[in-house]
C-alpha atoms as a PDB file:
ATOM      1  CA  MET A   1      24.869   6.865  -5.158  1.00  0.00           C
ATOM      2  CA  ASN A   2      23.938  10.329  -5.044  1.00  0.00           C
ATOM      3  CA  ASP A   3      21.199  12.138  -2.431  1.00  0.00           C
ATOM      4  CA  GLN A   4      18.413  11.777  -5.510  1.00  0.00           C
ATOM      5  CA  ASP A   5      18.688   8.574  -6.092  1.00  0.00           C
ATOM      6  CA  ALA A   6      18.481   7.696  -2.462  1.00  0.00           C
ATOM      7  CA  LYS A   7      15.397   9.629  -1.927  1.00  0.00           C
ATOM      8  CA  PHE A   8      13.475   8.269  -5.022  1.00  0.00           C
ATOM      9  CA  ARG A   9      14.579   4.806  -3.701  1.00  0.00           C
ATOM     10  CA  THR A  10      13.205   5.769  -0.077  1.00  0.00           C
ATOM     11  CA  LEU A  11      10.084   6.666  -1.450  1.00  0.00           C
ATOM     12  CA  GLN A  12       9.224   3.745  -3.619  1.00  0.00           C
ATOM     13  CA  GLN A  13      10.040   1.582  -0.834  1.00  0.00           C
ATOM     14  CA  GLN A  14       7.371   3.661   1.182  1.00  0.00           C
ATOM     15  CA  GLY A  15       4.959   3.689  -1.476  1.00  0.00           C
ATOM     16  CA  THR A  16       5.078   7.568  -1.180  1.00  0.00           C
ATOM     17  CA  LEU A  17       6.559   8.113  -4.713  1.00  0.00           C
ATOM     18  CA  ASN A  18       4.275  10.089  -6.834  1.00  0.00           C
ATOM     19  CA  PRO A  19       3.242   8.346 -10.261  1.00  0.00           C
ATOM     20  CA  ARG A  20       2.907  11.717 -11.942  1.00  0.00           C
ATOM     21  CA  PRO A  21       5.586  14.363 -11.012  1.00  0.00           C
ATOM     22  CA  LYS A  22       5.606  15.938 -13.910  1.00  0.00           C
ATOM     23  CA  GLU A  23       2.139  17.490 -13.954  1.00  0.00           C
ATOM     24  CA  VAL A  24       3.177  19.310 -10.387  1.00  0.00           C
ATOM     25  CA  ARG A  25       3.089  22.673 -12.193  1.00  0.00           C
ATOM     26  CA  ASP A  26       3.085  24.525  -8.996  1.00  0.00           C
ATOM     27  CA  GLU A  27       6.013  27.008  -8.699  1.00  0.00           C
ATOM     28  CA  LEU A  28       7.480  26.568  -5.342  1.00  0.00           C
ATOM     29  CA  PHE A  29       8.223  22.571  -6.657  1.00  0.00           C
ATOM     30  CA  ARG A  30       9.819  24.646  -9.759  1.00  0.00           C
ATOM     31  CA  GLN A  31      11.946  26.887  -8.044  1.00  0.00           C
ATOM     32  CA  ASP A  32      12.746  25.479  -4.602  1.00  0.00           C
ATOM     33  CA  ASP A  33      14.629  22.160  -4.175  1.00  0.00           C
ATOM     34  CA  PHE A  34      13.048  21.722  -0.698  1.00  0.00           C
ATOM     35  CA  PHE A  35       9.819  20.797  -2.577  1.00  0.00           C
ATOM     36  CA  ASP A  36       9.942  17.444  -4.159  1.00  0.00           C
ATOM     37  CA  PRO A  37       7.435  16.840  -6.716  1.00  0.00           C
ATOM     38  CA  ARG A  38       8.209  13.232  -6.451  1.00  0.00           C
ATOM     39  CA  ASP A  39       7.141  13.185  -2.764  1.00  0.00           C
ATOM     40  CA  LEU A  40       3.426  12.440  -2.833  1.00  0.00           C
ATOM     41  CA  VAL A  41       2.846  12.890   0.659  1.00  0.00           C
ATOM     42  CA  GLN A  42       4.559  16.662   0.188  1.00  0.00           C
ATOM     43  CA  VAL A  43       2.677  17.682  -2.606  1.00  0.00           C
ATOM     44  CA  LYS A  44      -0.985  16.553  -1.195  1.00  0.00           C
ATOM     45  CA  TYR A  45       0.263  18.552   1.972  1.00  0.00           C
ATOM     46  CA  GLU A  46       0.917  21.456  -0.056  1.00  0.00           C
ATOM     47  CA  MET A  47      -2.018  21.137  -2.487  1.00  0.00           C
ATOM     48  CA  LEU A  48      -4.354  21.463   0.796  1.00  0.00           C
ATOM     49  CA  ARG A  49      -2.159  23.813   2.444  1.00  0.00           C
ATOM     50  CA  ARG A  50      -3.269  26.275  -0.871  1.00  0.00           C
ATOM     51  CA  VAL A  51      -6.172  25.653  -0.383  1.00  0.00           C
ATOM     52  CA  GLN A  52      -6.674  26.134   3.345  1.00  0.00           C
ATOM     53  CA  SER A  53      -4.237  28.950   3.996  1.00  0.00           C
ATOM     54  CA  GLU A  54      -3.761  30.764   0.839  1.00  0.00           C
ATOM     55  CA  GLY A  55      -7.535  30.945  -0.258  1.00  0.00           C
ATOM     56  CA  ASN A  56      -6.703  29.029  -3.671  1.00  0.00           C
ATOM     57  CA  SER A  57      -9.708  27.541  -5.133  1.00  0.00           C
ATOM     58  CA  VAL A  58      -9.775  23.621  -5.059  1.00  0.00           C
ATOM     59  CA  THR A  59      -9.984  23.259  -8.537  1.00  0.00           C
ATOM     60  CA  ASP A  60      -7.155  25.447  -9.341  1.00  0.00           C
ATOM     61  CA  ALA A  61      -4.914  23.497  -6.627  1.00  0.00           C
ATOM     62  CA  ALA A  62      -5.896  20.475  -7.565  1.00  0.00           C
ATOM     63  CA  ALA A  63      -4.920  21.217 -11.467  1.00  0.00           C
ATOM     64  CA  ASN A  64      -1.200  22.875 -10.108  1.00  0.00           C
ATOM     65  CA  PHE A  65      -0.861  19.792  -8.248  1.00  0.00           C
ATOM     66  CA  GLY A  66      -1.540  17.116 -10.765  1.00  0.00           C
ATOM     67  CA  PHE A  67      -5.021  15.846  -8.673  1.00  0.00           C
ATOM     68  CA  SER A  68      -8.392  15.811  -9.851  1.00  0.00           C
ATOM     69  CA  ARG A  69     -10.998  17.483  -7.559  1.00  0.00           C
ATOM     70  CA  PRO A  70     -12.259  14.315  -6.354  1.00  0.00           C
ATOM     71  CA  SER A  71      -8.374  13.249  -5.310  1.00  0.00           C
ATOM     72  CA  PHE A  72      -8.203  16.584  -3.664  1.00  0.00           C
ATOM     73  CA  TYR A  73     -11.290  15.904  -1.588  1.00  0.00           C
ATOM     74  CA  GLN A  74     -10.236  12.346  -0.848  1.00  0.00           C
ATOM     75  CA  ALA A  75      -7.089  14.020   0.710  1.00  0.00           C
ATOM     76  CA  LEU A  76      -8.751  16.772   2.603  1.00  0.00           C
ATOM     77  CA  SER A  77     -10.882  13.878   4.333  1.00  0.00           C
ATOM     78  CA  ALA A  78      -8.221  11.708   5.474  1.00  0.00           C
ATOM     79  CA  PHE A  79      -5.850  14.248   6.330  1.00  0.00           C
ATOM     80  CA  GLU A  80      -8.746  15.629   8.565  1.00  0.00           C
ATOM     81  CA  GLN A  81      -9.401  12.181   9.912  1.00  0.00           C
ATOM     82  CA  ASP A  82      -5.597  10.853  10.401  1.00  0.00           C
ATOM     83  CA  GLY A  83      -3.210  14.170  10.368  1.00  0.00           C
ATOM     84  CA  LEU A  84      -0.344  14.046   7.890  1.00  0.00           C
ATOM     85  CA  ALA A  85      -0.187  10.050   8.068  1.00  0.00           C
ATOM     86  CA  GLY A  86      -3.715   9.976   6.000  1.00  0.00           C
ATOM     87  CA  LEU A  87      -1.798  11.158   3.475  1.00  0.00           C
ATOM     88  CA  VAL A  88       0.168   8.154   2.805  1.00  0.00           C
ATOM     89  CA  PRO A  89      -1.266   6.103   0.536  1.00  0.00           C
ATOM     90  CA  HIS A  90      -2.340   2.827   1.608  1.00  0.00           C
ATOM     91  CA  LYS A  91      -1.666  -0.898  -0.031  1.00  0.00           C
ATOM     92  CA  ARG A  92      -4.001  -1.957  -2.306  1.00  0.00           C
ATOM     93  CA  GLY A  93      -5.599  -5.552  -2.478  1.00  0.00           C
ATOM     94  CA  PRO A  94      -5.979  -7.835   0.437  1.00  0.00           C
ATOM     95  CA  LYS A  95      -4.528  -7.610   3.991  1.00  0.00           C
ATOM     96  CA  GLN A  96      -4.241 -10.701   4.663  1.00  0.00           C
ATOM     97  CA  ALA A  97      -4.797 -14.641   3.174  1.00  0.00           C
ATOM     98  CA  HIS A  98      -8.319 -14.132   3.031  1.00  0.00           C
ATOM     99  CA  LYS A  99      -9.096 -18.129   1.582  1.00  0.00           C
ATOM    100  CA  LEU A 100      -7.044 -19.414   4.390  1.00  0.00           C
ATOM    101  CA  THR A 101      -9.181 -19.013   7.266  1.00  0.00           C
ATOM    102  CA  ASP A 102      -8.759 -20.334  10.586  1.00  0.00           C
ATOM    103  CA  GLU A 103     -10.848 -23.245   9.804  1.00  0.00           C
ATOM    104  CA  VAL A 104      -8.625 -24.280   6.595  1.00  0.00           C
ATOM    105  CA  LEU A 105      -5.308 -23.329   8.991  1.00  0.00           C
ATOM    106  CA  SER A 106      -6.538 -25.864  11.255  1.00  0.00           C
ATOM    107  CA  PHE A 107      -7.428 -28.125   8.705  1.00  0.00           C
ATOM    108  CA  ILE A 108      -3.738 -27.949   7.021  1.00  0.00           C
ATOM    109  CA  GLY A 109      -2.566 -28.629  10.390  1.00  0.00           C
ATOM    110  CA  GLU A 110      -4.329 -31.893  10.896  1.00  0.00           C
ATOM    111  CA  VAL A 111      -2.982 -33.293   7.692  1.00  0.00           C
ATOM    112  CA  ARG A 112       0.257 -32.155   8.274  1.00  0.00           C
ATOM    113  CA  GLN A 113       0.129 -33.696  11.536  1.00  0.00           C
ATOM    114  CA  LYS A 114      -1.197 -37.121  10.275  1.00  0.00           C
ATOM    115  CA  GLU A 115       1.429 -36.704   6.990  1.00  0.00           C
ATOM    116  CA  PRO A 116       4.204 -34.575   7.484  1.00  0.00           C
ATOM    117  CA  SER A 117       5.432 -35.080   4.216  1.00  0.00           C
ATOM    118  CA  VAL A 118       2.336 -34.225   2.415  1.00  0.00           C
ATOM    119  CA  ARG A 119       3.353 -31.649  -0.636  1.00  0.00           C
ATOM    120  CA  LEU A 120       1.657 -28.411  -1.291  1.00  0.00           C
ATOM    121  CA  PRO A 121      -0.201 -29.544  -4.450  1.00  0.00           C
ATOM    122  CA  ASP A 122      -1.923 -32.296  -2.599  1.00  0.00           C
ATOM    123  CA  LEU A 123      -3.004 -29.975   0.202  1.00  0.00           C
ATOM    124  CA  VAL A 124      -4.440 -27.610  -2.643  1.00  0.00           C
ATOM    125  CA  LYS A 125      -6.220 -30.861  -3.553  1.00  0.00           C
ATOM    126  CA  LEU A 126      -7.177 -31.565  -0.199  1.00  0.00           C
ATOM    127  CA  ILE A 127      -8.534 -28.119   0.397  1.00  0.00           C
ATOM    128  CA  GLN A 128     -10.572 -27.952  -2.665  1.00  0.00           C
ATOM    129  CA  GLU A 129     -11.906 -30.990  -1.985  1.00  0.00           C
ATOM    130  CA  ARG A 130     -12.881 -30.292   1.574  1.00  0.00           C
ATOM    131  CA  PHE A 131     -13.934 -26.578   1.329  1.00  0.00           C
ATOM    132  CA  GLY A 132     -14.476 -25.905  -2.170  1.00  0.00           C
ATOM    133  CA  THR A 133     -11.916 -23.093  -2.311  1.00  0.00           C
ATOM    134  CA  LYS A 134      -8.916 -22.894  -4.648  1.00  0.00           C
ATOM    135  CA  VAL A 135      -5.850 -21.794  -2.927  1.00  0.00           C
ATOM    136  CA  HIS A 136      -2.270 -21.359  -4.675  1.00  0.00           C
ATOM    137  CA  PRO A 137       0.284 -23.565  -3.200  1.00  0.00           C
ATOM    138  CA  ARG A 138       2.833 -20.340  -2.641  1.00  0.00           C
ATOM    139  CA  SER A 139      -0.288 -19.480  -0.604  1.00  0.00           C
ATOM    140  CA  ILE A 140       0.036 -22.017   1.264  1.00  0.00           C
ATOM    141  CA  GLU A 141       3.664 -21.942   1.575  1.00  0.00           C
ATOM    142  CA  ARG A 142       3.582 -18.576   2.978  1.00  0.00           C
ATOM    143  CA  SER A 143       1.203 -18.725   5.318  1.00  0.00           C
ATOM    144  CA  LEU A 144       3.005 -21.899   6.812  1.00  0.00           C
ATOM    145  CA  LEU A 145       6.103 -19.902   7.571  1.00  0.00           C
ATOM    146  CA  ARG A 146       4.058 -17.161   9.343  1.00  0.00           C
ATOM    147  CA  HIS A 147       3.025 -19.608  11.586  1.00  0.00           C
ATOM    148  CA  GLN A 148       6.016 -21.656  12.202  1.00  0.00           C
ATOM    149  CA  LYS A 149       6.984 -21.306  15.932  1.00  0.00           C
ATOM    150  CA  LYS A 150      10.382 -19.221  16.067  1.00  0.00           C
ATOM    151  CA  PRO A 151      13.400 -20.759  18.208  1.00  0.00           C
ATOM    152  CA  ARG A 152      13.930 -18.993  21.380  1.00  0.00           C
END
């Protein structure tokens, strides 16, 4: 495994892999190996730096780094608010099991306490009947695993 493959995997795992590295047309990214068009955080930072420090226009910088003007301003706002960490993309989608509220989890606990062998499909039906919420069995399973007491 070479260093390029390792960096690619690391960027991918961290969610910082640039989905459009071929659209980065800036000369530094073409000439210097230190500048990696696959590194989304580095590309965004350099785009912002070109405008802030070197006086490039927003339109030119955005185009040279493979972004739109609105994306430039979003990156600028994130950078001003959170620094370099603001340039790291956030995961999309729900951050937690939003259907499995504390009330639903409490209900699951009560049902399982009364009937420990209750199956997940049966829990799904009971939750649907009681709360009018359709929950996937795998969501319940993951939630139960998260809330299990860890052995000491």
